[in-house]
Amino acid sequence: MTFTTDAHGKVEDAQAQIARLREQVEALMKDRVTPAVAEFAGRAESAVRSASGAARDQAQAVSGRVRDQPLIAIMIAAAVGWIIGRVMR
């Protein structure tokens, strides 16, 4: 019977330790990981917004150049098409 009682006590002790560890992990997640993830998400969102704005500005600049000099744009497009065609053969 002592063996059974001793084993039962060890199981309860292990369960209590697991419960304490679980609480510590949850506290760590709440205190450290969640804010770090939120901060990273904010930085990523800001970077995406910035990159999106830069891409939009570049597209507008190219569009303006094409409107200002359509013949040059056509020649550049034809040259790029010719080069791609040569490379794909």
Protein backbone atom coordinates (compact mmCIF):
# COMPACT_ATOMS: atom_id res chain seq x y z
CA MET A 1 0.00 0.00 0.00
CA THR A 2 2.86 2.41 0.69
CA PHE A 3 4.04 1.98 -2.87
CA THR A 4 0.60 2.88 -4.20
CA THR A 5 0.29 5.84 -1.84
CA ASP A 6 3.81 7.01 -2.72
CA ALA A 7 3.13 6.67 -6.46
CA HIS A 8 -0.18 8.51 -6.09
CA GLY A 9 1.58 11.32 -4.21
CA LYS A 10 4.22 11.60 -6.95
CA VAL A 11 1.54 11.77 -9.63
CA GLU A 12 -0.27 14.54 -7.76
CA ASP A 13 3.03 16.39 -7.28
CA ALA A 14 3.82 16.10 -10.99
CA GLN A 15 0.33 17.35 -11.88
CA ALA A 16 0.78 20.34 -9.54
CA GLN A 17 4.15 21.13 -11.14
CA ILE A 18 2.62 20.91 -14.61
CA ALA A 19 -0.19 23.26 -13.53
CA ARG A 20 2.37 25.77 -12.17
CA LEU A 21 4.42 25.54 -15.37
CA ARG A 22 1.30 26.07 -17.46
CA GLU A 23 0.47 29.20 -15.43
CA GLN A 24 4.01 30.49 -15.85
CA VAL A 25 3.95 29.89 -19.61
CA GLU A 26 0.58 31.64 -19.92
CA ALA A 27 1.88 34.60 -17.91
CA LEU A 28 5.00 34.75 -20.06
CA MET A 29 2.90 34.67 -23.23
CA LYS A 30 0.67 37.44 -21.91
CA ASP A 31 3.51 39.63 -20.63
CA ARG A 32 6.20 39.16 -23.26
CA VAL A 33 5.21 37.29 -26.40
CA THR A 34 1.84 38.87 -27.13
CA PRO A 35 3.15 42.47 -26.94
CA ALA A 36 6.17 41.54 -29.07
CA VAL A 37 3.93 39.98 -31.71
CA ALA A 38 1.63 43.01 -31.64
CA GLU A 39 4.62 45.34 -32.06
CA PHE A 40 5.95 43.25 -34.95
CA ALA A 41 2.52 43.26 -36.60
CA GLY A 42 2.40 47.04 -36.29
CA ARG A 43 5.83 47.39 -37.86
CA ALA A 44 4.91 45.01 -40.67
CA GLU A 45 1.70 46.92 -41.36
CA SER A 46 3.62 50.19 -41.46
CA ALA A 47 6.19 48.70 -43.85
CA VAL A 48 3.47 47.38 -46.14
CA ARG A 49 1.74 50.76 -46.15
CA SER A 50 5.04 52.48 -46.95
CA ALA A 51 5.92 50.03 -49.73
CA SER A 52 2.44 50.33 -51.18
CA GLY A 53 2.74 54.11 -51.25
CA ALA A 54 6.16 53.94 -52.90
CA ALA A 55 4.90 51.52 -55.56
CA ARG A 56 1.90 53.75 -56.23
CA ASP A 57 4.17 56.80 -56.57
CA GLN A 58 6.48 54.97 -58.98
CA ALA A 59 3.54 53.77 -61.08
CA GLN A 60 2.24 57.35 -61.30
CA ALA A 61 5.70 58.61 -62.28
CA VAL A 62 6.02 56.00 -65.06
CA SER A 63 2.50 56.75 -66.23
CA GLY A 64 3.34 60.46 -66.40
CA ARG A 65 6.49 59.76 -68.42
CA VAL A 66 4.55 57.58 -70.85
CA ARG A 67 1.99 60.35 -71.33
CA ASP A 68 4.75 62.92 -71.85
CA GLN A 69 6.81 60.79 -74.28
CA PRO A 70 4.60 58.08 -75.84
CA LEU A 71 6.93 57.29 -78.76
CA ILE A 72 9.87 56.58 -76.47
CA ALA A 73 7.61 54.38 -74.32
CA ILE A 74 6.52 52.42 -77.40
CA MET A 75 10.15 51.95 -78.51
CA ILE A 76 11.20 50.78 -75.05
CA ALA A 77 8.25 48.35 -74.89
CA ALA A 78 9.13 47.00 -78.34
CA ALA A 79 12.80 46.55 -77.38
CA VAL A 80 11.88 44.76 -74.16
CA GLY A 81 9.48 42.52 -76.07
CA TRP A 82 12.14 41.72 -78.65
CA ILE A 83 14.70 40.87 -75.93
CA ILE A 84 12.22 38.63 -74.09
CA GLY A 85 11.36 36.94 -77.39
CA ARG A 86 15.04 36.26 -78.12
CA VAL A 87 15.64 34.88 -74.64
CA MET A 88 12.59 32.59 -74.77
CA ARG A 89 13.72 30.86 -78.00
